[in-house]
Amino acid sequence: MLQLFVFDERLGIALPKLELEWEGYSESDRAAIVTQWEIIRGAIPDRVFLFEREINKKQAELFDEDDFEMSCLLNSDIAELASRINDLHIWYRINQEIETRRHS
């Protein structure tokens, strides 16, 4: 099943890359996909925590920064990290959709 997941550098986790519609996979393949996703999904809160720590560090730097250009760069970095957290939250919730399909 590992070929059905591709590592995303930006988020730091493997994401599903399913080649077929969900119903196109056998019951055993679907179970394996869900199992693998659950393992990956379990790492998402840790990734969010790491990004939050980076945001806090950059906010502290921003508080002490007097240079406008550097302040803009720090704000941009913070926005990118927040975007990653948002994307991770979306991927975390995808499990609910897979579970619903699995039990249908």
N, C-alpha and C. Protein backbone atom coordinates (compact mmCIF):
# COMPACT_ATOMS: atom_id res chain seq x y z
N MET A 1 0.80 -1.20 0.00
CA MET A 1 0.00 0.00 0.00
C MET A 1 0.85 1.27 0.00
N LEU A 2 2.12 1.14 0.27
CA LEU A 2 2.94 2.34 0.36
C LEU A 2 2.95 3.13 -0.94
N GLN A 3 2.78 2.49 -2.09
CA GLN A 3 2.77 3.21 -3.36
C GLN A 3 1.53 4.10 -3.48
N LEU A 4 0.55 3.91 -2.64
CA LEU A 4 -0.66 4.73 -2.67
C LEU A 4 -0.55 5.98 -1.80
N PHE A 5 0.62 6.17 -1.21
CA PHE A 5 0.88 7.34 -0.38
C PHE A 5 2.19 7.99 -0.83
N VAL A 6 2.16 9.31 -0.96
CA VAL A 6 3.32 10.06 -1.42
C VAL A 6 3.70 11.08 -0.35
N PHE A 7 4.99 11.11 0.00
CA PHE A 7 5.44 12.04 1.03
C PHE A 7 5.34 13.48 0.54
N ASP A 8 4.73 14.34 1.36
CA ASP A 8 4.59 15.76 1.08
C ASP A 8 5.60 16.51 1.94
N GLU A 9 6.59 17.10 1.28
CA GLU A 9 7.66 17.82 2.00
C GLU A 9 7.11 18.98 2.82
N ARG A 10 6.16 19.70 2.26
CA ARG A 10 5.61 20.89 2.92
C ARG A 10 4.94 20.55 4.25
N LEU A 11 4.18 19.46 4.26
CA LEU A 11 3.44 19.08 5.46
C LEU A 11 4.21 18.09 6.34
N GLY A 12 5.16 17.39 5.76
CA GLY A 12 5.96 16.45 6.54
C GLY A 12 5.28 15.12 6.80
N ILE A 13 4.28 14.78 5.99
CA ILE A 13 3.60 13.49 6.11
C ILE A 13 3.35 12.94 4.70
N ALA A 14 3.07 11.65 4.63
CA ALA A 14 2.67 11.05 3.37
C ALA A 14 1.17 11.27 3.18
N LEU A 15 0.80 11.60 1.95
CA LEU A 15 -0.60 11.84 1.63
C LEU A 15 -1.09 10.78 0.65
N PRO A 16 -2.38 10.42 0.75
CA PRO A 16 -2.91 9.41 -0.17
C PRO A 16 -2.91 9.91 -1.61
N LYS A 17 -2.56 9.02 -2.49
CA LYS A 17 -2.62 9.30 -3.93
C LYS A 17 -3.28 8.08 -4.57
N LEU A 18 -4.59 8.01 -4.40
CA LEU A 18 -5.35 6.87 -4.87
C LEU A 18 -5.56 6.98 -6.38
N GLU A 19 -5.32 5.90 -7.07
CA GLU A 19 -5.44 5.88 -8.53
C GLU A 19 -6.84 5.50 -8.99
N LEU A 20 -7.62 4.90 -8.11
CA LEU A 20 -8.97 4.47 -8.44
C LEU A 20 -9.97 5.17 -7.54
N GLU A 21 -11.24 5.11 -7.92
CA GLU A 21 -12.30 5.52 -7.01
C GLU A 21 -12.29 4.54 -5.83
N TRP A 22 -12.76 4.98 -4.68
CA TRP A 22 -12.74 4.16 -3.47
C TRP A 22 -13.36 2.78 -3.71
N GLU A 23 -14.47 2.75 -4.43
CA GLU A 23 -15.17 1.50 -4.68
C GLU A 23 -14.39 0.58 -5.63
N GLY A 24 -13.39 1.11 -6.31
CA GLY A 24 -12.58 0.33 -7.23
C GLY A 24 -11.55 -0.55 -6.54
N TYR A 25 -11.38 -0.35 -5.26
CA TYR A 25 -10.43 -1.16 -4.48
C TYR A 25 -11.18 -2.30 -3.80
N SER A 26 -10.51 -3.41 -3.66
CA SER A 26 -11.12 -4.55 -2.98
C SER A 26 -11.27 -4.23 -1.50
N GLU A 27 -12.08 -5.03 -0.82
CA GLU A 27 -12.28 -4.84 0.63
C GLU A 27 -10.94 -4.89 1.37
N SER A 28 -10.09 -5.85 1.02
CA SER A 28 -8.81 -5.98 1.72
C SER A 28 -7.90 -4.79 1.42
N ASP A 29 -7.92 -4.30 0.17
CA ASP A 29 -7.12 -3.13 -0.16
C ASP A 29 -7.63 -1.90 0.59
N ARG A 30 -8.94 -1.75 0.66
CA ARG A 30 -9.51 -0.61 1.39
C ARG A 30 -9.11 -0.67 2.87
N ALA A 31 -9.17 -1.85 3.44
CA ALA A 31 -8.79 -2.00 4.85
C ALA A 31 -7.32 -1.64 5.04
N ALA A 32 -6.47 -2.06 4.11
CA ALA A 32 -5.03 -1.75 4.19
C ALA A 32 -4.80 -0.25 4.03
N ILE A 33 -5.54 0.38 3.12
CA ILE A 33 -5.40 1.82 2.92
C ILE A 33 -5.80 2.57 4.18
N VAL A 34 -6.93 2.18 4.77
CA VAL A 34 -7.40 2.85 5.99
C VAL A 34 -6.40 2.64 7.13
N THR A 35 -5.87 1.44 7.24
CA THR A 35 -4.89 1.15 8.30
C THR A 35 -3.65 2.02 8.13
N GLN A 36 -3.13 2.09 6.90
CA GLN A 36 -1.96 2.92 6.64
C GLN A 36 -2.26 4.39 6.91
N TRP A 37 -3.44 4.85 6.49
CA TRP A 37 -3.81 6.24 6.73
C TRP A 37 -3.92 6.53 8.22
N GLU A 38 -4.44 5.60 8.99
CA GLU A 38 -4.56 5.80 10.44
C GLU A 38 -3.19 5.99 11.08
N ILE A 39 -2.20 5.26 10.59
CA ILE A 39 -0.84 5.40 11.11
C ILE A 39 -0.31 6.80 10.78
N ILE A 40 -0.49 7.20 9.53
CA ILE A 40 -0.03 8.52 9.10
C ILE A 40 -0.80 9.61 9.84
N ARG A 41 -2.10 9.45 9.91
CA ARG A 41 -2.98 10.43 10.56
C ARG A 41 -2.59 10.64 12.02
N GLY A 42 -2.13 9.57 12.66
CA GLY A 42 -1.72 9.67 14.06
C GLY A 42 -0.54 10.61 14.28
N ALA A 43 0.23 10.87 13.22
CA ALA A 43 1.38 11.76 13.33
C ALA A 43 1.00 13.23 13.12
N ILE A 44 -0.19 13.48 12.64
CA ILE A 44 -0.59 14.86 12.32
C ILE A 44 -0.58 15.78 13.55
N PRO A 45 -1.10 15.39 14.69
CA PRO A 45 -1.04 16.31 15.85
C PRO A 45 0.39 16.70 16.22
N ASP A 46 1.33 15.78 16.09
CA ASP A 46 2.73 16.11 16.38
C ASP A 46 3.28 17.13 15.37
N ARG A 47 2.90 16.97 14.10
CA ARG A 47 3.33 17.93 13.08
C ARG A 47 2.74 19.31 13.37
N VAL A 48 1.47 19.36 13.75
CA VAL A 48 0.83 20.63 14.09
C VAL A 48 1.57 21.28 15.25
N PHE A 49 1.89 20.49 16.26
CA PHE A 49 2.60 21.01 17.43
C PHE A 49 3.94 21.62 17.03
N LEU A 50 4.68 20.94 16.15
CA LEU A 50 5.98 21.46 15.71
C LEU A 50 5.82 22.78 14.96
N PHE A 51 4.82 22.86 14.09
CA PHE A 51 4.58 24.10 13.37
C PHE A 51 4.15 25.22 14.32
N GLU A 52 3.36 24.89 15.32
CA GLU A 52 2.94 25.90 16.31
C GLU A 52 4.15 26.42 17.08
N ARG A 53 5.08 25.54 17.42
CA ARG A 53 6.30 25.98 18.11
C ARG A 53 7.11 26.94 17.23
N GLU A 54 7.19 26.63 15.93
CA GLU A 54 7.90 27.51 15.01
C GLU A 54 7.20 28.87 14.92
N ILE A 55 5.87 28.86 14.89
CA ILE A 55 5.12 30.11 14.84
C ILE A 55 5.42 30.93 16.10
N ASN A 56 5.38 30.30 17.25
CA ASN A 56 5.64 31.02 18.50
C ASN A 56 7.04 31.63 18.51
N LYS A 57 8.01 30.89 17.99
CA LYS A 57 9.39 31.39 17.93
C LYS A 57 9.46 32.61 17.00
N LYS A 58 8.82 32.51 15.84
CA LYS A 58 8.85 33.62 14.88
C LYS A 58 8.06 34.83 15.40
N GLN A 59 6.99 34.59 16.15
CA GLN A 59 6.25 35.71 16.74
C GLN A 59 7.10 36.43 17.78
N ALA A 60 7.89 35.67 18.54
CA ALA A 60 8.79 36.30 19.51
C ALA A 60 9.85 37.13 18.79
N GLU A 61 10.38 36.60 17.69
CA GLU A 61 11.34 37.36 16.90
C GLU A 61 10.69 38.62 16.33
N LEU A 62 9.47 38.49 15.87
CA LEU A 62 8.74 39.62 15.29
C LEU A 62 8.53 40.72 16.33
N PHE A 63 8.25 40.33 17.54
CA PHE A 63 8.01 41.29 18.62
C PHE A 63 9.22 42.20 18.82
N ASP A 64 10.42 41.62 18.67
CA ASP A 64 11.66 42.38 18.89
C ASP A 64 12.25 42.98 17.61
N GLU A 65 11.62 42.72 16.48
CA GLU A 65 12.18 43.16 15.19
C GLU A 65 11.80 44.60 14.88
N ASP A 66 12.83 45.40 14.53
CA ASP A 66 12.60 46.80 14.17
C ASP A 66 12.68 47.02 12.66
N ASP A 67 13.31 46.12 11.96
CA ASP A 67 13.48 46.26 10.51
C ASP A 67 12.19 45.86 9.80
N PHE A 68 11.65 46.77 8.99
CA PHE A 68 10.37 46.53 8.32
C PHE A 68 10.43 45.32 7.39
N GLU A 69 11.47 45.23 6.58
CA GLU A 69 11.58 44.12 5.63
C GLU A 69 11.66 42.78 6.36
N MET A 70 12.42 42.75 7.43
CA MET A 70 12.52 41.51 8.21
C MET A 70 11.18 41.18 8.87
N SER A 71 10.46 42.20 9.31
CA SER A 71 9.14 41.99 9.90
C SER A 71 8.19 41.38 8.86
N CYS A 72 8.27 41.87 7.64
CA CYS A 72 7.43 41.32 6.56
C CYS A 72 7.79 39.87 6.29
N LEU A 73 9.07 39.57 6.28
CA LEU A 73 9.52 38.19 6.05
C LEU A 73 9.04 37.27 7.17
N LEU A 74 9.15 37.71 8.40
CA LEU A 74 8.67 36.91 9.53
C LEU A 74 7.16 36.70 9.45
N ASN A 75 6.42 37.75 9.10
CA ASN A 75 4.96 37.62 8.94
C ASN A 75 4.62 36.62 7.84
N SER A 76 5.36 36.65 6.76
CA SER A 76 5.15 35.72 5.66
C SER A 76 5.42 34.28 6.11
N ASP A 77 6.49 34.10 6.86
CA ASP A 77 6.82 32.77 7.39
C ASP A 77 5.72 32.26 8.32
N ILE A 78 5.23 33.13 9.17
CA ILE A 78 4.15 32.77 10.10
C ILE A 78 2.90 32.37 9.33
N ALA A 79 2.57 33.14 8.30
CA ALA A 79 1.38 32.83 7.49
C ALA A 79 1.54 31.47 6.80
N GLU A 80 2.72 31.17 6.30
CA GLU A 80 2.96 29.88 5.64
C GLU A 80 2.81 28.73 6.65
N LEU A 81 3.36 28.89 7.83
CA LEU A 81 3.24 27.85 8.85
C LEU A 81 1.78 27.66 9.25
N ALA A 82 1.04 28.76 9.38
CA ALA A 82 -0.38 28.66 9.72
C ALA A 82 -1.15 27.95 8.60
N SER A 83 -0.77 28.20 7.36
CA SER A 83 -1.39 27.52 6.23
C SER A 83 -1.14 26.02 6.29
N ARG A 84 0.07 25.64 6.67
CA ARG A 84 0.39 24.21 6.81
C ARG A 84 -0.47 23.57 7.90
N ILE A 85 -0.63 24.28 9.00
CA ILE A 85 -1.46 23.76 10.09
C ILE A 85 -2.90 23.58 9.60
N ASN A 86 -3.40 24.55 8.89
CA ASN A 86 -4.76 24.45 8.35
C ASN A 86 -4.88 23.23 7.43
N ASP A 87 -3.92 23.05 6.54
CA ASP A 87 -3.94 21.89 5.63
C ASP A 87 -3.89 20.58 6.40
N LEU A 88 -3.08 20.54 7.45
CA LEU A 88 -3.00 19.32 8.26
C LEU A 88 -4.34 19.03 8.94
N HIS A 89 -5.01 20.07 9.42
CA HIS A 89 -6.33 19.87 10.04
C HIS A 89 -7.32 19.31 9.02
N ILE A 90 -7.25 19.80 7.80
CA ILE A 90 -8.13 19.27 6.75
C ILE A 90 -7.83 17.80 6.51
N TRP A 91 -6.56 17.45 6.37
CA TRP A 91 -6.20 16.04 6.15
C TRP A 91 -6.59 15.18 7.34
N TYR A 92 -6.49 15.72 8.54
CA TYR A 92 -6.86 14.96 9.73
C TYR A 92 -8.33 14.58 9.70
N ARG A 93 -9.17 15.49 9.23
CA ARG A 93 -10.62 15.24 9.17
C ARG A 93 -11.02 14.30 8.04
N ILE A 94 -10.15 14.12 7.08
CA ILE A 94 -10.48 13.23 5.96
C ILE A 94 -10.77 11.82 6.44
N ASN A 95 -10.21 11.42 7.53
CA ASN A 95 -10.45 10.08 8.06
C ASN A 95 -11.94 9.82 8.26
N GLN A 96 -12.67 10.83 8.67
CA GLN A 96 -14.11 10.65 8.88
C GLN A 96 -14.80 10.25 7.59
N GLU A 97 -14.38 10.81 6.45
CA GLU A 97 -14.96 10.47 5.16
C GLU A 97 -14.61 9.03 4.78
N ILE A 98 -13.36 8.66 5.01
CA ILE A 98 -12.93 7.29 4.68
C ILE A 98 -13.69 6.28 5.54
N GLU A 99 -13.82 6.56 6.82
CA GLU A 99 -14.53 5.64 7.70
C GLU A 99 -15.99 5.49 7.29
N THR A 100 -16.62 6.59 6.90
CA THR A 100 -18.01 6.53 6.46
C THR A 100 -18.13 5.65 5.22
N ARG A 101 -17.23 5.84 4.29
CA ARG A 101 -17.24 5.02 3.06
C ARG A 101 -16.96 3.56 3.38
N ARG A 102 -16.06 3.33 4.31
CA ARG A 102 -15.67 1.97 4.65
C ARG A 102 -16.84 1.19 5.21
N HIS A 103 -17.70 1.83 5.96
CA HIS A 103 -18.82 1.15 6.60
C HIS A 103 -20.08 1.14 5.74
N SER A 104 -20.01 1.75 4.57
CA SER A 104 -21.17 1.77 3.68
C SER A 104 -21.28 0.49 2.87
